[in-house]
Amino acid sequence: MVNVEFPAGAWRKSSHSGGGNDCVEVALSAQRVGVRDSKNPAGGVLSVSPRGWQALLGAVGRS
């Protein structure tokens, strides 16, 4: 398990989100990519490697 802190200003929502709080936010660091629920930012962060993030984006893009 890797514990990475992402600064508050690092979190971004997609420009495609509808403006509500029903989306995820993403933060980038050199070693990790963080993903969290925009409705509950204190509820926890899924942290993956940049390689894992790229694999996820590739898989989603093919669906």
Protein backbone atom coordinates (compact mmCIF):
# COMPACT_ATOMS: atom_id res chain seq x y z
CA MET A 1 0.00 0.00 0.00
CA VAL A 2 1.26 3.47 -0.92
CA ASN A 3 0.16 6.48 1.11
CA VAL A 4 0.31 9.65 -0.99
CA GLU A 5 -0.99 13.06 0.02
CA PHE A 6 -2.42 15.18 -2.79
CA PRO A 7 -2.64 18.95 -2.19
CA ALA A 8 -6.16 20.41 -2.15
CA GLY A 9 -5.46 22.40 -5.33
CA ALA A 10 -4.35 19.29 -7.23
CA TRP A 11 -7.87 17.87 -7.64
CA ARG A 12 -9.62 18.36 -11.00
CA LYS A 13 -13.03 17.43 -12.37
CA SER A 14 -13.56 16.53 -15.99
CA SER A 15 -14.67 19.35 -18.25
CA HIS A 16 -17.38 16.89 -19.37
CA SER A 17 -19.00 16.65 -15.93
CA GLY A 18 -22.50 18.04 -15.68
CA GLY A 19 -21.67 20.57 -12.97
CA GLY A 20 -23.25 18.54 -10.18
CA ASN A 21 -21.49 16.58 -7.51
CA ASP A 22 -21.96 13.24 -9.24
CA CYS A 23 -18.52 12.74 -10.69
CA VAL A 24 -15.01 11.79 -9.71
CA GLU A 25 -12.01 14.02 -9.26
CA VAL A 26 -8.45 13.19 -10.27
CA ALA A 27 -5.13 14.43 -8.86
CA LEU A 28 -1.71 13.74 -10.37
CA SER A 29 1.70 13.39 -8.78
CA ALA A 30 4.96 12.04 -10.18
CA GLN A 31 4.42 8.62 -8.59
CA ARG A 32 0.64 8.24 -8.22
CA VAL A 33 -2.73 9.22 -9.62
CA GLY A 34 -5.48 9.81 -7.07
CA VAL A 35 -9.20 9.33 -7.72
CA ARG A 36 -11.95 10.36 -5.30
CA ASP A 37 -15.71 10.93 -5.17
CA SER A 38 -16.55 14.61 -5.62
CA LYS A 39 -19.54 14.28 -3.26
CA ASN A 40 -17.33 12.97 -0.44
CA PRO A 41 -13.75 14.21 -0.83
CA ALA A 42 -12.87 13.13 2.72
CA GLY A 43 -14.21 9.62 2.11
CA GLY A 44 -11.00 8.17 0.76
CA VAL A 45 -8.77 8.14 -2.28
CA LEU A 46 -8.04 5.38 -4.75
CA SER A 47 -4.36 5.72 -5.60
CA VAL A 48 -2.89 4.00 -8.67
CA SER A 49 0.39 4.14 -10.55
CA PRO A 50 0.57 6.28 -13.69
CA ARG A 51 0.91 3.05 -15.68
CA GLY A 52 -2.25 1.66 -14.04
CA TRP A 53 -4.10 4.90 -14.78
CA GLN A 54 -3.11 4.75 -18.45
CA ALA A 55 -4.29 1.12 -18.61
CA LEU A 56 -7.65 2.13 -17.11
CA LEU A 57 -8.08 5.00 -19.56
CA GLY A 58 -7.21 2.70 -22.44
CA ALA A 59 -9.73 0.09 -21.30
CA VAL A 60 -12.49 2.68 -20.83
CA GLY A 61 -11.78 4.16 -24.24
CA ARG A 62 -12.30 0.78 -25.88
CA SER A 63 -15.69 0.15 -24.27
